[in-house]
Every structure is written in structure tokens, then in C-alpha cells.
Amino acid sequence: MKENPVTWITRTWVVAALALFCSILWGSAFACVKIGYGLFSISVSDSGSQLLFAGVRFFIAGIMTLLFGSVSQKRLLLPTKAALPKIAVISLFQTVLQYFFYYIGLARTTGVKTAIIVGANVFIAILVSSLLYRLEKLTAAKVAGCALGFGGIVLINLSGLEGLKLDLFGDGFIFLSTCAYAFSSVYMKKYSADENPVMLSGWQFAVGGAVLAAAGLLMGGKLDGGGAAGWGMLMYLSFVSAAAYSVWAALLKYNPVSKVTVFGFMNPVCGVIISTLLLNEKGIFGIRGAVSLALICAGIYIVNRSGKRS
């Protein structure tokens, strides 16, 4: 007898395996975006080109997602009238706000620090889901786990006796990007109960990508001189978004927010490893970086154990 797909995708080992697949793709994006900036000669101060780069990436990702979904489901994934406002809300948080802050912030900080700060999305998503939308219960163990995770994020920004070393337009923007993503996870969970998650993913990427690209062009952005390598990198990053977010959306549709997002600890782990290898950012991945990651992972473990007891 064929297994019910809803039951199949709720198995913990399936959630873990698919979440790991997403994390490896997302982890590679931290370094690949910075490499893409170099291929297109986009400077740290060129916010217009950074947003244009992001917009083109996500518009292509939206087209990829819709084409794949339409072929696999043997029908055109067109939004209904009721789905349009849902697409607009998800696009605002998932693509426009998240990547407005992400692309500008990433140019002003390291890939390793970005990967670790992004790890906060696990905790923020749980807080938003519990306190604002009452989708699950906030327990003392979850609070303790969140505290450990944020402790790790603070630690990675400590520089000797100088205390907390934060750059508003670098680390600060990455953190705001993380908050936007946390809200988008909750909205995807809510809206995918009645809508096709692949359809929502594809259209929100296409709409959000067009908005970001338009903003980048208005700010004087351009993509010149990237060549085959530059556009190849853009296509890879588009695939990362299309594949990873569609799988993540399906996981959120059939599982509690905490059960899915708790596996997001692999995002900073994969991001740190890949950024260290590709960007030669070894200096930051010393004892402080290792302890920071340990705190983040410990926090997620506590949250996960709390969910199992519940």
C-alpha cells in the first residue's frame, strides 16, 4: 500500500534529511553571494547593484519554481484571487524585506558572521509563532534555548575588551533580515494550510524579485562584466532559493513551526564551514566562533527536547 504523503513528510528523519538538504544549499549562499559581488565588481557601497543582483536572482528563482511545480503537478500554478494578498504578505517578508537587508548587510560583514547571525531565525520564529500567533506553547525550556542561542550570536560579535562590536549596516541589517525571515516562516505555515506551498513560493519570489530589481535600477544599479561565471553564479543562487524554499515550505505545511525551524541550526553550521573554505575567513572561526556555534546548537537541542516532551 502506498504511504500517505502527509504522514511520510511528518516523520522526524524525513524532516531532518530535507532540512539538511535546505541548509547545505542556504549555507553555500552566504559565500556565493559575496563571490557573485566580486564577479560583477559590485562594491560595498553600491547598494543599487546589490539590490538588482538580488532581484534578478529571486525573479529567476520564482520562474524556476513555477516551471518545476507546473511540470511535476501537470497543471499551471496560477494564483486564485484569494491567494493574491497571501502572496503579497509572504513576498514582503520573505523576499523584499529579508533580502533588502540581507544583500546590503552581507556586503558589509563577513560570510561567517552572517551565517551565525542568521541562526537566530530559529528562535525568533518560535517566539513569533508562540507569542503573536499562538500556534504553539512557549515553555521555559524554549526560553532557555532562545537565551543560549542569542548568547552565541552576541559572543561572535565580541572583540577583545572592546565589548559588543556591531556594525549597523552590516550585522544590524543581517539581523533585521533574520527577523523578516522568521515572520515569513509563520505566514507560510498559516497560508499553506489552504494554498499550494510551491505556488506560494514561486509567485512570492517572482513578485519580490521584481520589486527588488526595480528598486535597484532606480538606485542606479547595474550588472556589468560578470561574464559566464557571474551569470552562472546567479543561476546557481536562483536554484538554491527555488529548491530550498519550496522544500522548506512543504515541511512547514505539514509540520509544526518549531519542529521544522529547530533543524535550522544546520544553516549557520553549513554557512560557517562553506564560508571558511571558499572565502578564507579562517580568522573569525577560532575558539570564539566554535563556542558561539556550540551555544546556538545547545539552544536548539533544548528547544527540540522541549517539543518532544510536549
Protein backbone atom coordinates (compact mmCIF):
# COMPACT_ATOMS: atom_id res chain seq x y z
CA MET A 1 0.00 0.00 0.00
CA LYS A 2 1.31 3.44 -0.90
CA GLU A 3 2.14 5.55 2.14
CA ASN A 4 0.15 8.72 2.71
CA PRO A 5 2.48 11.58 1.67
CA VAL A 6 1.27 13.72 4.56
CA THR A 7 2.32 11.01 7.05
CA TRP A 8 5.60 10.45 5.21
CA ILE A 9 6.68 14.09 5.34
CA THR A 10 5.94 14.37 9.07
CA ARG A 11 8.44 11.66 10.04
CA THR A 12 11.30 13.21 12.04
CA TRP A 13 14.06 11.59 9.97
CA VAL A 14 12.44 12.87 6.77
CA VAL A 15 12.14 16.39 8.20
CA ALA A 16 15.80 16.21 9.31
CA ALA A 17 17.04 14.94 5.93
CA LEU A 18 15.11 17.50 3.88
CA ALA A 19 16.05 20.31 6.28
CA LEU A 20 19.72 19.30 5.95
CA PHE A 21 19.40 19.49 2.17
CA CYS A 22 17.99 23.02 2.52
CA SER A 23 20.68 24.03 4.99
CA ILE A 24 23.52 22.93 2.73
CA LEU A 25 22.07 24.97 -0.13
CA TRP A 26 21.39 28.02 2.06
CA GLY A 27 24.78 27.65 3.75
CA SER A 28 26.50 27.86 0.36
CA ALA A 29 24.59 31.05 -0.48
CA PHE A 30 26.43 33.12 2.16
CA ALA A 31 29.74 32.67 0.36
CA CYS A 32 28.36 32.52 -3.20
CA VAL A 33 26.65 35.91 -2.91
CA LYS A 34 29.94 37.51 -1.91
CA ILE A 35 31.70 35.69 -4.77
CA GLY A 36 28.97 36.95 -7.10
CA TYR A 37 29.62 40.52 -5.94
CA GLY A 38 33.24 40.06 -6.91
CA LEU A 39 32.43 38.63 -10.35
CA PHE A 40 30.15 41.58 -11.15
CA SER A 41 32.55 44.06 -9.47
CA ILE A 42 29.83 45.24 -7.06
CA SER A 43 31.41 47.38 -4.37
CA VAL A 44 30.41 47.55 -0.71
CA SER A 45 28.80 50.97 -1.19
CA ASP A 46 26.88 50.07 -4.38
CA SER A 47 23.51 49.28 -2.79
CA GLY A 48 21.67 49.69 -6.11
CA SER A 49 23.65 46.92 -7.80
CA GLN A 50 23.35 44.73 -4.71
CA LEU A 51 19.54 45.01 -4.82
CA LEU A 52 19.49 44.46 -8.60
CA PHE A 53 21.61 41.33 -8.12
CA ALA A 54 19.12 40.10 -5.51
CA GLY A 55 16.09 40.99 -7.61
CA VAL A 56 17.32 39.16 -10.71
CA ARG A 57 18.22 36.13 -8.60
CA PHE A 58 14.79 35.84 -6.99
CA PHE A 59 12.80 36.61 -10.12
CA ILE A 60 14.61 33.73 -11.86
CA ALA A 61 14.04 31.58 -8.76
CA GLY A 62 10.32 32.29 -8.99
CA ILE A 63 10.21 31.26 -12.66
CA MET A 64 12.19 28.09 -11.86
CA THR A 65 9.83 27.18 -9.01
CA LEU A 66 6.68 27.74 -11.06
CA LEU A 67 8.01 25.82 -14.07
CA PHE A 68 9.10 22.87 -11.94
CA GLY A 69 5.86 22.87 -9.96
CA SER A 70 3.69 23.14 -13.07
CA VAL A 71 5.51 20.28 -14.80
CA SER A 72 5.55 18.00 -11.73
CA GLN A 73 1.89 18.66 -10.91
CA LYS A 74 0.82 18.68 -14.60
CA ARG A 75 -1.03 21.97 -14.32
CA LEU A 76 -0.24 25.67 -14.39
CA LEU A 77 0.32 27.03 -10.90
CA LEU A 78 -1.76 30.19 -11.21
CA PRO A 79 -2.84 32.07 -8.07
CA THR A 80 -6.51 32.45 -7.20
CA LYS A 81 -7.96 35.80 -6.20
CA ALA A 82 -7.91 34.68 -2.57
CA ALA A 83 -4.21 33.77 -2.82
CA LEU A 84 -3.04 37.17 -4.11
CA PRO A 85 -2.96 39.00 -0.74
CA LYS A 86 -1.26 35.98 0.84
CA ILE A 87 1.43 36.05 -1.86
CA ALA A 88 1.89 39.78 -1.25
CA VAL A 89 2.39 39.33 2.51
CA ILE A 90 4.82 36.41 2.17
CA SER A 91 6.72 38.23 -0.58
CA LEU A 92 7.03 41.34 1.57
CA PHE A 93 8.68 39.46 4.44
CA GLN A 94 10.40 36.54 2.67
CA THR A 95 11.88 38.34 -0.32
CA VAL A 96 11.56 42.15 -0.23
CA LEU A 97 12.37 42.94 3.41
CA GLN A 98 14.58 39.94 4.11
CA TYR A 99 16.82 40.41 1.13
CA PHE A 100 16.80 44.20 1.11
CA PHE A 101 18.55 43.98 4.48
CA TYR A 102 20.46 40.79 3.64
CA TYR A 103 22.19 41.91 0.45
CA ILE A 104 23.17 45.34 1.77
CA GLY A 105 24.27 43.88 5.12
CA LEU A 106 26.23 40.97 3.64
CA ALA A 107 28.45 43.35 1.68
CA ARG A 108 29.49 44.98 4.96
CA THR A 109 30.21 41.94 7.12
CA THR A 110 31.79 38.51 6.79
CA GLY A 111 30.12 35.39 5.46
CA VAL A 112 30.88 33.52 8.68
CA LYS A 113 29.31 36.19 10.92
CA THR A 114 26.31 36.34 8.60
CA ALA A 115 25.83 32.57 8.85
CA ILE A 116 25.86 32.69 12.65
CA ILE A 117 23.54 35.71 12.97
CA VAL A 118 21.09 34.07 10.57
CA GLY A 119 20.90 31.20 13.06
CA ALA A 120 18.69 33.49 15.16
CA ASN A 121 15.79 32.84 12.79
CA VAL A 122 15.12 29.57 14.63
CA PHE A 123 14.49 31.35 17.91
CA ILE A 124 12.67 34.36 16.50
CA ALA A 125 10.31 32.12 14.52
CA ILE A 126 9.45 30.17 17.69
CA LEU A 127 8.81 33.39 19.62
CA VAL A 128 6.63 34.83 16.85
CA SER A 129 4.73 31.56 16.46
CA SER A 130 4.16 31.25 20.22
CA LEU A 131 3.57 34.83 21.40
CA LEU A 132 2.00 36.58 18.42
CA TYR A 133 0.08 33.85 16.62
CA ARG A 134 -0.43 31.26 19.39
CA LEU A 135 0.44 28.39 17.05
CA GLU A 136 2.32 26.58 19.81
CA LYS A 137 3.12 26.91 23.51
CA LEU A 138 6.13 28.85 24.74
CA THR A 139 7.76 26.83 27.53
CA ALA A 140 10.57 27.64 29.97
CA ALA A 141 12.82 25.23 28.07
CA LYS A 142 12.18 27.10 24.82
CA VAL A 143 13.01 30.41 26.51
CA ALA A 144 16.24 28.91 27.89
CA GLY A 145 17.12 27.60 24.45
CA CYS A 146 16.48 31.01 22.89
CA ALA A 147 18.68 32.66 25.52
CA LEU A 148 21.57 30.29 24.76
CA GLY A 149 21.22 30.86 21.04
CA PHE A 150 21.23 34.63 21.33
CA GLY A 151 24.20 34.32 23.68
CA GLY A 152 26.09 32.66 20.88
CA ILE A 153 25.18 35.46 18.49
CA VAL A 154 26.36 38.11 20.95
CA LEU A 155 29.59 36.24 21.61
CA ILE A 156 30.64 36.15 17.95
CA ASN A 157 30.49 39.95 17.92
CA LEU A 158 32.69 40.48 20.97
CA SER A 159 36.12 41.80 20.12
CA GLY A 160 38.57 41.55 23.00
CA LEU A 161 37.88 44.15 25.69
CA GLU A 162 36.01 46.43 23.29
CA GLY A 163 32.74 44.73 24.18
CA LEU A 164 29.92 44.28 21.72
CA LYS A 165 31.17 45.16 18.24
CA LEU A 166 28.24 45.65 15.88
CA ASP A 167 28.04 47.39 12.52
CA LEU A 168 24.56 48.87 11.97
CA PHE A 169 24.57 48.48 8.20
CA GLY A 170 26.36 45.13 8.32
CA ASP A 171 25.49 42.93 11.29
CA GLY A 172 22.43 45.04 12.15
CA PHE A 173 20.90 44.65 8.69
CA ILE A 174 21.59 40.91 8.71
CA PHE A 175 19.71 40.65 12.00
CA LEU A 176 16.73 42.60 10.59
CA SER A 177 16.82 40.25 7.59
CA THR A 178 16.63 37.33 10.01
CA CYS A 179 13.59 38.83 11.75
CA ALA A 180 11.80 39.25 8.40
CA TYR A 181 12.52 35.62 7.54
CA ALA A 182 11.12 34.43 10.88
CA PHE A 183 7.83 36.20 10.18
CA SER A 184 7.73 34.76 6.66
CA SER A 185 8.03 31.21 8.07
CA VAL A 186 5.00 31.75 10.28
CA TYR A 187 2.97 33.28 7.43
CA MET A 188 3.92 30.41 5.12
CA LYS A 189 2.74 27.96 7.78
CA LYS A 190 -0.60 29.79 8.11
CA TYR A 191 -1.28 30.34 4.41
CA SER A 192 -0.10 26.97 3.08
CA ALA A 193 -2.88 25.29 5.06
CA ASP A 194 -5.25 26.41 2.29
CA GLU A 195 -2.87 27.03 -0.62
CA ASN A 196 -0.29 25.09 -2.63
CA PRO A 197 3.11 25.84 -1.00
CA VAL A 198 5.01 25.58 -4.31
CA MET A 199 2.61 28.06 -5.93
CA LEU A 200 3.03 30.45 -2.99
CA SER A 201 6.83 30.10 -3.13
CA GLY A 202 7.10 30.66 -6.87
CA TRP A 203 4.86 33.70 -7.08
CA GLN A 204 6.23 35.37 -3.95
CA PHE A 205 9.76 35.03 -5.35
CA ALA A 206 8.74 36.43 -8.75
CA VAL A 207 6.87 39.38 -7.23
CA GLY A 208 9.53 40.12 -4.61
CA GLY A 209 12.34 39.75 -7.14
CA ALA A 210 10.67 42.23 -9.50
CA VAL A 211 10.29 44.75 -6.64
CA LEU A 212 13.94 44.41 -5.60
CA ALA A 213 15.18 44.64 -9.20
CA ALA A 214 13.10 47.77 -9.82
CA ALA A 215 14.44 49.36 -6.61
CA GLY A 216 17.99 48.51 -7.66
CA LEU A 217 17.54 50.05 -11.11
CA LEU A 218 16.03 53.21 -9.62
CA MET A 219 19.10 53.47 -7.37
CA GLY A 220 21.38 53.27 -10.42
CA GLY A 221 22.31 49.61 -10.05
CA LYS A 222 23.77 47.62 -12.92
CA LEU A 223 25.15 44.16 -13.63
CA ASP A 224 28.09 44.61 -15.98
CA GLY A 225 31.10 42.45 -16.72
CA GLY A 226 30.01 39.33 -14.86
CA GLY A 227 30.51 37.11 -17.89
CA ALA A 228 29.57 33.43 -17.96
CA ALA A 229 30.91 32.90 -14.44
CA GLY A 230 28.85 35.73 -12.99
CA TRP A 231 25.60 34.69 -14.63
CA GLY A 232 26.33 31.06 -13.83
CA MET A 233 26.63 32.05 -10.16
CA LEU A 234 23.32 33.94 -10.39
CA MET A 235 21.63 30.86 -11.86
CA TYR A 236 23.04 28.68 -9.08
CA LEU A 237 21.81 31.10 -6.41
CA SER A 238 18.39 31.13 -8.09
CA PHE A 239 18.33 27.34 -7.93
CA VAL A 240 19.29 27.49 -4.24
CA SER A 241 16.26 29.66 -3.48
CA ALA A 242 13.84 27.75 -5.70
CA ALA A 243 14.79 24.30 -4.42
CA ALA A 244 15.42 25.03 -0.74
CA TYR A 245 12.49 27.32 -0.06
CA SER A 246 9.98 25.10 -1.89
CA VAL A 247 11.07 22.10 0.20
CA TRP A 248 11.02 24.20 3.38
CA ALA A 249 7.52 25.47 2.57
CA ALA A 250 6.28 21.89 2.14
CA LEU A 251 7.80 20.95 5.52
CA LEU A 252 6.08 23.91 7.19
CA LYS A 253 2.74 22.97 5.64
CA TYR A 254 2.67 19.53 7.26
CA ASN A 255 4.65 20.09 10.48
CA PRO A 256 4.64 22.48 13.47
CA VAL A 257 6.83 25.57 13.04
CA SER A 258 9.18 24.56 15.89
CA LYS A 259 9.66 21.02 14.54
CA VAL A 260 10.90 22.39 11.21
CA THR A 261 12.77 25.53 12.22
CA VAL A 262 14.63 23.75 15.02
CA PHE A 263 16.67 21.97 12.34
CA GLY A 264 17.79 25.36 11.08
CA PHE A 265 20.86 25.03 13.32
CA MET A 266 22.50 23.44 10.28
CA ASN A 267 22.26 26.78 8.43
CA PRO A 268 24.95 28.53 10.50
CA VAL A 269 27.00 25.33 10.71
CA CYS A 270 26.99 24.83 6.93
CA GLY A 271 27.44 28.55 6.36
CA VAL A 272 30.48 28.75 8.64
CA ILE A 273 32.12 25.70 7.08
CA ILE A 274 31.49 26.76 3.47
CA SER A 275 32.42 30.42 4.08
CA THR A 276 35.60 29.35 5.81
CA LEU A 277 36.55 27.15 2.85
CA LEU A 278 35.51 29.44 0.00
CA LEU A 279 36.20 32.91 1.41
CA ASN A 280 39.26 32.09 3.54
CA GLU A 281 37.62 33.69 6.61
CA LYS A 282 39.54 31.43 8.96
CA GLY A 283 40.47 34.21 11.38
CA ILE A 284 37.00 34.50 12.85
CA PHE A 285 36.46 30.74 13.15
CA GLY A 286 38.61 30.26 16.22
CA ILE A 287 37.69 29.44 19.80
CA ARG A 288 35.13 32.25 19.95
CA GLY A 289 33.42 31.09 16.76
CA ALA A 290 33.39 27.46 17.93
CA VAL A 291 31.89 28.39 21.32
CA SER A 292 29.28 30.57 19.61
CA LEU A 293 28.17 27.71 17.40
CA ALA A 294 28.14 25.36 20.40
CA LEU A 295 25.80 27.73 22.27
CA ILE A 296 23.49 28.02 19.27
CA CYS A 297 23.34 24.25 18.80
CA ALA A 298 22.80 23.68 22.53
CA GLY A 299 19.91 26.14 22.47
CA ILE A 300 18.28 24.38 19.54
CA TYR A 301 18.76 20.99 21.20
CA ILE A 302 16.94 22.21 24.33
CA VAL A 303 14.08 23.59 22.22
CA ASN A 304 13.85 20.31 20.31
CA ARG A 305 13.76 18.23 23.50
CA SER A 306 11.04 20.51 24.86
CA GLY A 307 8.96 19.88 21.75
CA LYS A 308 9.35 16.10 22.09
CA ARG A 309 8.14 16.15 25.70
CA SER A 310 5.14 18.24 24.69
